[in-house]
Amino acid sequence: MNIRSKNNPTYVTWRSLVGRCTNPRFDNYKRYGGKGITLDFTWLDFDKFVLDMGDRPIGKTLDRIDLNQGYSKNNCRWATPSEQQKNRKCALIISYKGVTKNSSDWSTDLGLTKGAVWMRIKYGWDIERAVTTRKAG
């Protein structure tokens, strides 16, 4: 397979990254380059991107660790869809008795559907009740 092929997941990821950060005509540019999300200038070269990040592992995509910073070796990782979902700006982070997790993890730990704790808080439950009640009451 040609390394610079539309069938190479790493190359596809890189092209999308460069497009959304640098090309106003590219899908999602408004959410990235249009909002000031940058990429390390050396990553304009595919080989340098691969040198820093390696090949894209199966089942993972490129994720920024700190959503307030751009794409660079120190701020990116290959992440699963679940890891990326937990790293979104809209993720609800909850601290209770010294434990901090997102609402999805609190829900899972209680044996509830992923969105249950988020919905509880949205509908006015206090934090303690939302993260300690196993079944809606």
N, C-alpha and C. Protein backbone atom coordinates (compact mmCIF):
# COMPACT_ATOMS: atom_id res chain seq x y z
N MET A 1 0.85 -1.19 0.00
CA MET A 1 0.00 0.00 0.00
C MET A 1 0.89 1.25 0.00
N ASN A 2 0.52 2.19 -0.83
CA ASN A 2 1.22 3.46 -0.88
C ASN A 2 0.99 4.20 0.44
N ILE A 3 2.07 4.66 1.08
CA ILE A 3 1.95 5.34 2.38
C ILE A 3 1.10 6.61 2.28
N ARG A 4 1.10 7.25 1.12
CA ARG A 4 0.29 8.47 0.91
C ARG A 4 -0.96 8.11 0.11
N SER A 5 -1.69 7.16 0.64
CA SER A 5 -2.87 6.64 -0.03
C SER A 5 -4.12 6.91 0.79
N LYS A 6 -5.26 7.06 0.10
CA LYS A 6 -6.52 7.25 0.82
C LYS A 6 -6.90 6.00 1.61
N ASN A 7 -6.16 4.92 1.43
CA ASN A 7 -6.40 3.69 2.19
C ASN A 7 -5.51 3.58 3.42
N ASN A 8 -4.59 4.51 3.60
CA ASN A 8 -3.69 4.50 4.75
C ASN A 8 -4.31 5.36 5.85
N PRO A 9 -4.75 4.75 6.96
CA PRO A 9 -5.43 5.51 8.03
C PRO A 9 -4.59 6.67 8.59
N THR A 10 -3.29 6.49 8.69
CA THR A 10 -2.44 7.56 9.21
C THR A 10 -2.43 8.75 8.26
N TYR A 11 -2.33 8.47 6.97
CA TYR A 11 -2.32 9.54 5.97
C TYR A 11 -3.67 10.26 5.92
N VAL A 12 -4.74 9.51 6.00
CA VAL A 12 -6.08 10.10 6.00
C VAL A 12 -6.25 11.03 7.21
N THR A 13 -5.79 10.59 8.37
CA THR A 13 -5.85 11.40 9.58
C THR A 13 -5.05 12.68 9.39
N TRP A 14 -3.83 12.56 8.87
CA TRP A 14 -2.97 13.72 8.66
C TRP A 14 -3.60 14.72 7.70
N ARG A 15 -4.13 14.23 6.57
CA ARG A 15 -4.75 15.15 5.59
C ARG A 15 -5.93 15.90 6.21
N SER A 16 -6.73 15.20 6.99
CA SER A 16 -7.87 15.82 7.65
C SER A 16 -7.40 16.88 8.65
N LEU A 17 -6.38 16.55 9.42
CA LEU A 17 -5.81 17.47 10.40
C LEU A 17 -5.33 18.76 9.72
N VAL A 18 -4.54 18.62 8.69
CA VAL A 18 -4.01 19.79 7.98
C VAL A 18 -5.15 20.61 7.38
N GLY A 19 -6.12 19.94 6.78
CA GLY A 19 -7.24 20.63 6.18
C GLY A 19 -8.07 21.42 7.17
N ARG A 20 -8.45 20.79 8.27
CA ARG A 20 -9.33 21.47 9.22
C ARG A 20 -8.63 22.61 9.96
N CYS A 21 -7.30 22.60 9.98
CA CYS A 21 -6.57 23.68 10.65
C CYS A 21 -6.09 24.78 9.71
N THR A 22 -6.02 24.50 8.40
CA THR A 22 -5.41 25.48 7.50
C THR A 22 -6.26 25.90 6.31
N ASN A 23 -7.30 25.16 5.98
CA ASN A 23 -8.04 25.41 4.75
C ASN A 23 -9.48 25.85 5.03
N PRO A 24 -9.80 27.12 4.84
CA PRO A 24 -11.16 27.62 5.12
C PRO A 24 -12.26 26.91 4.34
N ARG A 25 -11.93 26.23 3.26
CA ARG A 25 -12.94 25.50 2.49
C ARG A 25 -13.13 24.07 2.98
N PHE A 26 -12.35 23.66 3.93
CA PHE A 26 -12.39 22.29 4.43
C PHE A 26 -13.51 22.11 5.46
N ASP A 27 -14.15 20.94 5.44
CA ASP A 27 -15.15 20.63 6.46
C ASP A 27 -14.54 20.80 7.85
N ASN A 28 -15.26 21.38 8.73
CA ASN A 28 -14.86 21.58 10.13
C ASN A 28 -13.81 22.67 10.34
N TYR A 29 -13.39 23.37 9.29
CA TYR A 29 -12.42 24.44 9.49
C TYR A 29 -12.93 25.46 10.52
N LYS A 30 -14.21 25.78 10.48
CA LYS A 30 -14.78 26.77 11.41
C LYS A 30 -14.58 26.35 12.86
N ARG A 31 -14.58 25.05 13.12
CA ARG A 31 -14.43 24.55 14.49
C ARG A 31 -12.97 24.40 14.91
N TYR A 32 -12.05 24.51 13.97
CA TYR A 32 -10.63 24.31 14.27
C TYR A 32 -9.82 25.55 13.86
N GLY A 33 -9.32 25.57 12.64
CA GLY A 33 -8.52 26.72 12.19
C GLY A 33 -9.26 28.03 12.34
N GLY A 34 -10.55 28.02 12.09
CA GLY A 34 -11.36 29.22 12.22
C GLY A 34 -11.48 29.72 13.64
N LYS A 35 -11.23 28.84 14.61
CA LYS A 35 -11.26 29.23 16.03
C LYS A 35 -9.86 29.35 16.60
N GLY A 36 -8.87 29.33 15.73
CA GLY A 36 -7.50 29.52 16.20
C GLY A 36 -6.76 28.25 16.58
N ILE A 37 -7.35 27.09 16.32
CA ILE A 37 -6.65 25.83 16.62
C ILE A 37 -5.57 25.64 15.56
N THR A 38 -4.35 25.55 16.01
CA THR A 38 -3.19 25.46 15.11
C THR A 38 -2.61 24.06 15.11
N LEU A 39 -1.63 23.86 14.24
CA LEU A 39 -0.86 22.63 14.29
C LEU A 39 0.61 23.00 14.21
N ASP A 40 1.43 22.16 14.79
CA ASP A 40 2.88 22.34 14.72
C ASP A 40 3.25 22.48 13.25
N PHE A 41 3.94 23.56 12.89
CA PHE A 41 4.24 23.81 11.47
C PHE A 41 5.01 22.67 10.84
N THR A 42 5.80 21.93 11.63
CA THR A 42 6.55 20.80 11.04
C THR A 42 5.60 19.70 10.58
N TRP A 43 4.38 19.66 11.14
CA TRP A 43 3.41 18.64 10.76
C TRP A 43 2.78 18.90 9.40
N LEU A 44 3.13 20.00 8.75
CA LEU A 44 2.70 20.19 7.37
C LEU A 44 3.38 19.17 6.46
N ASP A 45 4.44 18.55 6.97
CA ASP A 45 5.16 17.47 6.29
C ASP A 45 4.68 16.15 6.90
N PHE A 46 4.08 15.31 6.09
CA PHE A 46 3.54 14.03 6.57
C PHE A 46 4.58 13.19 7.29
N ASP A 47 5.79 13.13 6.75
CA ASP A 47 6.84 12.32 7.37
C ASP A 47 7.18 12.80 8.79
N LYS A 48 7.17 14.11 9.00
CA LYS A 48 7.46 14.65 10.34
C LYS A 48 6.31 14.32 11.30
N PHE A 49 5.09 14.35 10.80
CA PHE A 49 3.93 13.96 11.61
C PHE A 49 4.09 12.51 12.07
N VAL A 50 4.42 11.62 11.14
CA VAL A 50 4.58 10.20 11.48
C VAL A 50 5.75 10.01 12.42
N LEU A 51 6.81 10.75 12.24
CA LEU A 51 7.97 10.64 13.13
C LEU A 51 7.56 10.96 14.58
N ASP A 52 6.72 11.98 14.75
CA ASP A 52 6.27 12.36 16.10
C ASP A 52 5.19 11.43 16.66
N MET A 53 4.24 11.03 15.83
CA MET A 53 3.07 10.32 16.34
C MET A 53 3.06 8.82 16.05
N GLY A 54 3.87 8.38 15.10
CA GLY A 54 3.83 6.98 14.71
C GLY A 54 2.59 6.70 13.87
N ASP A 55 2.45 5.43 13.46
CA ASP A 55 1.29 5.06 12.67
C ASP A 55 0.05 5.02 13.55
N ARG A 56 -1.07 5.33 12.95
CA ARG A 56 -2.34 5.33 13.67
C ARG A 56 -2.71 3.90 14.05
N PRO A 57 -2.85 3.63 15.35
CA PRO A 57 -3.25 2.29 15.79
C PRO A 57 -4.70 1.98 15.37
N ILE A 58 -4.98 0.75 15.13
CA ILE A 58 -6.33 0.32 14.77
C ILE A 58 -7.30 0.71 15.88
N GLY A 59 -8.41 1.30 15.51
CA GLY A 59 -9.45 1.67 16.46
C GLY A 59 -9.21 2.99 17.19
N LYS A 60 -8.18 3.71 16.80
CA LYS A 60 -7.89 4.99 17.47
C LYS A 60 -7.83 6.13 16.46
N THR A 61 -8.04 7.34 16.96
CA THR A 61 -7.94 8.54 16.15
C THR A 61 -7.13 9.58 16.92
N LEU A 62 -6.76 10.63 16.22
CA LEU A 62 -5.93 11.67 16.82
C LEU A 62 -6.75 12.53 17.77
N ASP A 63 -6.23 12.78 18.96
CA ASP A 63 -6.94 13.52 19.99
C ASP A 63 -6.00 14.54 20.62
N ARG A 64 -6.52 15.75 20.84
CA ARG A 64 -5.75 16.75 21.59
C ARG A 64 -6.01 16.54 23.06
N ILE A 65 -4.99 16.48 23.86
CA ILE A 65 -5.11 16.26 25.30
C ILE A 65 -5.71 17.49 25.97
N ASP A 66 -5.16 18.66 25.67
CA ASP A 66 -5.68 19.92 26.17
C ASP A 66 -6.40 20.61 25.02
N LEU A 67 -7.72 20.70 25.13
CA LEU A 67 -8.53 21.24 24.03
C LEU A 67 -8.30 22.73 23.79
N ASN A 68 -7.62 23.40 24.69
CA ASN A 68 -7.32 24.82 24.52
C ASN A 68 -6.02 25.05 23.75
N GLN A 69 -5.32 23.98 23.46
CA GLN A 69 -4.06 24.08 22.72
C GLN A 69 -4.20 23.42 21.36
N GLY A 70 -3.25 23.71 20.48
CA GLY A 70 -3.27 23.16 19.13
C GLY A 70 -2.72 21.75 19.06
N TYR A 71 -2.56 21.30 17.83
CA TYR A 71 -2.04 19.97 17.56
C TYR A 71 -0.52 20.00 17.56
N SER A 72 0.09 19.21 18.44
CA SER A 72 1.54 19.09 18.50
C SER A 72 1.88 17.76 19.18
N LYS A 73 3.13 17.38 19.07
CA LYS A 73 3.58 16.11 19.67
C LYS A 73 3.26 16.05 21.16
N ASN A 74 3.44 17.16 21.87
CA ASN A 74 3.22 17.17 23.32
C ASN A 74 1.76 17.28 23.72
N ASN A 75 0.88 17.57 22.77
CA ASN A 75 -0.53 17.74 23.11
C ASN A 75 -1.45 16.76 22.38
N CYS A 76 -0.88 15.78 21.73
CA CYS A 76 -1.71 14.82 20.98
C CYS A 76 -1.42 13.39 21.41
N ARG A 77 -2.40 12.56 21.16
CA ARG A 77 -2.29 11.13 21.44
C ARG A 77 -3.23 10.41 20.49
N TRP A 78 -3.01 9.12 20.33
CA TRP A 78 -3.96 8.27 19.63
C TRP A 78 -4.93 7.78 20.70
N ALA A 79 -6.22 8.02 20.49
CA ALA A 79 -7.21 7.71 21.52
C ALA A 79 -8.38 6.92 20.93
N THR A 80 -9.00 6.13 21.79
CA THR A 80 -10.21 5.41 21.38
C THR A 80 -11.38 6.39 21.33
N PRO A 81 -12.45 6.03 20.64
CA PRO A 81 -13.64 6.91 20.64
C PRO A 81 -14.14 7.21 22.05
N SER A 82 -14.07 6.25 22.95
CA SER A 82 -14.50 6.47 24.33
C SER A 82 -13.62 7.50 25.03
N GLU A 83 -12.31 7.40 24.84
CA GLU A 83 -11.39 8.38 25.44
C GLU A 83 -11.65 9.77 24.88
N GLN A 84 -11.90 9.85 23.58
CA GLN A 84 -12.17 11.16 22.98
C GLN A 84 -13.47 11.74 23.50
N GLN A 85 -14.48 10.92 23.65
CA GLN A 85 -15.78 11.40 24.13
C GLN A 85 -15.64 12.02 25.52
N LYS A 86 -14.80 11.45 26.34
CA LYS A 86 -14.59 11.95 27.70
C LYS A 86 -13.76 13.24 27.72
N ASN A 87 -13.12 13.55 26.60
CA ASN A 87 -12.23 14.71 26.52
C ASN A 87 -12.88 15.86 25.75
N ARG A 88 -14.18 15.85 25.61
CA ARG A 88 -14.86 16.93 24.88
C ARG A 88 -15.13 18.11 25.81
N LYS A 89 -15.20 19.31 25.21
CA LYS A 89 -15.47 20.50 26.02
C LYS A 89 -16.81 20.42 26.73
N CYS A 90 -17.75 19.69 26.15
CA CYS A 90 -19.08 19.61 26.76
C CYS A 90 -19.17 18.49 27.80
N ALA A 91 -18.08 17.75 28.03
CA ALA A 91 -18.10 16.69 29.05
C ALA A 91 -18.31 17.31 30.43
N LEU A 92 -19.14 16.70 31.21
CA LEU A 92 -19.44 17.20 32.56
C LEU A 92 -18.50 16.50 33.55
N ILE A 93 -17.62 17.25 34.16
CA ILE A 93 -16.67 16.72 35.13
C ILE A 93 -17.24 16.97 36.53
N ILE A 94 -17.30 15.91 37.34
CA ILE A 94 -17.91 16.00 38.66
C ILE A 94 -16.92 15.52 39.72
N SER A 95 -16.76 16.32 40.77
CA SER A 95 -15.93 15.93 41.92
C SER A 95 -16.86 15.70 43.10
N TYR A 96 -16.66 14.57 43.76
CA TYR A 96 -17.45 14.24 44.94
C TYR A 96 -16.58 13.43 45.90
N LYS A 97 -16.45 13.92 47.13
CA LYS A 97 -15.64 13.27 48.17
C LYS A 97 -14.23 12.93 47.67
N GLY A 98 -13.61 13.89 46.99
CA GLY A 98 -12.22 13.73 46.55
C GLY A 98 -12.03 12.90 45.29
N VAL A 99 -13.11 12.46 44.66
CA VAL A 99 -13.02 11.68 43.44
C VAL A 99 -13.56 12.53 42.29
N THR A 100 -12.79 12.64 41.22
CA THR A 100 -13.20 13.43 40.06
C THR A 100 -13.27 12.52 38.84
N LYS A 101 -14.44 12.52 38.20
CA LYS A 101 -14.68 11.73 36.99
C LYS A 101 -15.68 12.48 36.12
N ASN A 102 -15.79 12.08 34.88
CA ASN A 102 -16.84 12.67 34.06
C ASN A 102 -18.15 11.95 34.36
N SER A 103 -19.25 12.57 33.95
CA SER A 103 -20.57 12.04 34.29
C SER A 103 -20.79 10.65 33.71
N SER A 104 -20.21 10.37 32.56
CA SER A 104 -20.35 9.06 31.95
C SER A 104 -19.73 7.97 32.83
N ASP A 105 -18.54 8.24 33.39
CA ASP A 105 -17.90 7.26 34.27
C ASP A 105 -18.67 7.09 35.57
N TRP A 106 -19.20 8.20 36.12
CA TRP A 106 -20.03 8.07 37.32
C TRP A 106 -21.22 7.16 37.02
N SER A 107 -21.86 7.35 35.86
CA SER A 107 -23.02 6.54 35.49
C SER A 107 -22.64 5.07 35.39
N THR A 108 -21.55 4.79 34.69
CA THR A 108 -21.10 3.41 34.52
C THR A 108 -20.83 2.76 35.87
N ASP A 109 -20.17 3.48 36.76
CA ASP A 109 -19.85 2.94 38.09
C ASP A 109 -21.10 2.63 38.90
N LEU A 110 -22.19 3.34 38.62
CA LEU A 110 -23.46 3.09 39.32
C LEU A 110 -24.32 2.05 38.61
N GLY A 111 -23.84 1.52 37.49
CA GLY A 111 -24.60 0.53 36.75
C GLY A 111 -25.73 1.15 35.93
N LEU A 112 -25.59 2.42 35.60
CA LEU A 112 -26.63 3.14 34.85
C LEU A 112 -26.18 3.35 33.40
N THR A 113 -27.10 3.82 32.57
CA THR A 113 -26.73 4.17 31.21
C THR A 113 -25.77 5.36 31.25
N LYS A 114 -24.97 5.52 30.21
CA LYS A 114 -23.91 6.54 30.19
C LYS A 114 -24.39 7.95 30.50
N GLY A 115 -25.56 8.32 30.03
CA GLY A 115 -26.04 9.69 30.21
C GLY A 115 -26.86 9.92 31.46
N ALA A 116 -27.02 8.91 32.29
CA ALA A 116 -27.94 9.02 33.44
C ALA A 116 -27.54 10.11 34.43
N VAL A 117 -26.30 10.16 34.86
CA VAL A 117 -25.89 11.16 35.85
C VAL A 117 -25.98 12.56 35.26
N TRP A 118 -25.60 12.71 34.00
CA TRP A 118 -25.71 14.01 33.33
C TRP A 118 -27.17 14.48 33.32
N MET A 119 -28.08 13.58 32.98
CA MET A 119 -29.51 13.93 32.96
C MET A 119 -30.02 14.28 34.36
N ARG A 120 -29.58 13.55 35.35
CA ARG A 120 -30.00 13.84 36.73
C ARG A 120 -29.64 15.27 37.11
N ILE A 121 -28.40 15.65 36.81
CA ILE A 121 -27.95 17.01 37.16
C ILE A 121 -28.70 18.05 36.33
N LYS A 122 -28.90 17.75 35.07
CA LYS A 122 -29.65 18.66 34.20
C LYS A 122 -31.04 18.91 34.76
N TYR A 123 -31.67 17.88 35.33
CA TYR A 123 -33.01 18.03 35.87
C TYR A 123 -33.05 18.43 37.34
N GLY A 124 -31.91 18.91 37.86
CA GLY A 124 -31.91 19.54 39.17
C GLY A 124 -31.45 18.71 40.36
N TRP A 125 -31.02 17.48 40.13
CA TRP A 125 -30.52 16.69 41.25
C TRP A 125 -29.23 17.33 41.76
N ASP A 126 -29.00 17.27 43.08
CA ASP A 126 -27.72 17.75 43.60
C ASP A 126 -26.66 16.69 43.31
N ILE A 127 -25.39 17.09 43.38
CA ILE A 127 -24.28 16.21 43.02
C ILE A 127 -24.29 14.92 43.84
N GLU A 128 -24.43 15.04 45.15
CA GLU A 128 -24.38 13.84 45.99
C GLU A 128 -25.45 12.83 45.57
N ARG A 129 -26.66 13.28 45.42
CA ARG A 129 -27.75 12.37 45.04
C ARG A 129 -27.49 11.79 43.65
N ALA A 130 -27.01 12.62 42.71
CA ALA A 130 -26.80 12.17 41.34
C ALA A 130 -25.74 11.08 41.24
N VAL A 131 -24.68 11.16 42.06
CA VAL A 131 -23.57 10.20 41.92
C VAL A 131 -23.61 9.07 42.94
N THR A 132 -24.65 9.03 43.77
CA THR A 132 -24.74 7.93 44.76
C THR A 132 -26.01 7.10 44.61
N THR A 133 -27.00 7.59 43.89
CA THR A 133 -28.24 6.85 43.72
C THR A 133 -28.11 5.87 42.56
N ARG A 134 -28.24 4.58 42.88
CA ARG A 134 -28.08 3.55 41.85
C ARG A 134 -29.23 3.49 40.88
N LYS A 135 -30.45 3.70 41.34
CA LYS A 135 -31.61 3.70 40.47
C LYS A 135 -32.39 4.98 40.70
N ALA A 136 -32.93 5.53 39.60
CA ALA A 136 -33.73 6.75 39.73
C ALA A 136 -34.88 6.51 40.69
N GLY A 137 -35.11 7.52 41.55
CA GLY A 137 -36.13 7.33 42.55
C GLY A 137 -37.30 8.24 42.43
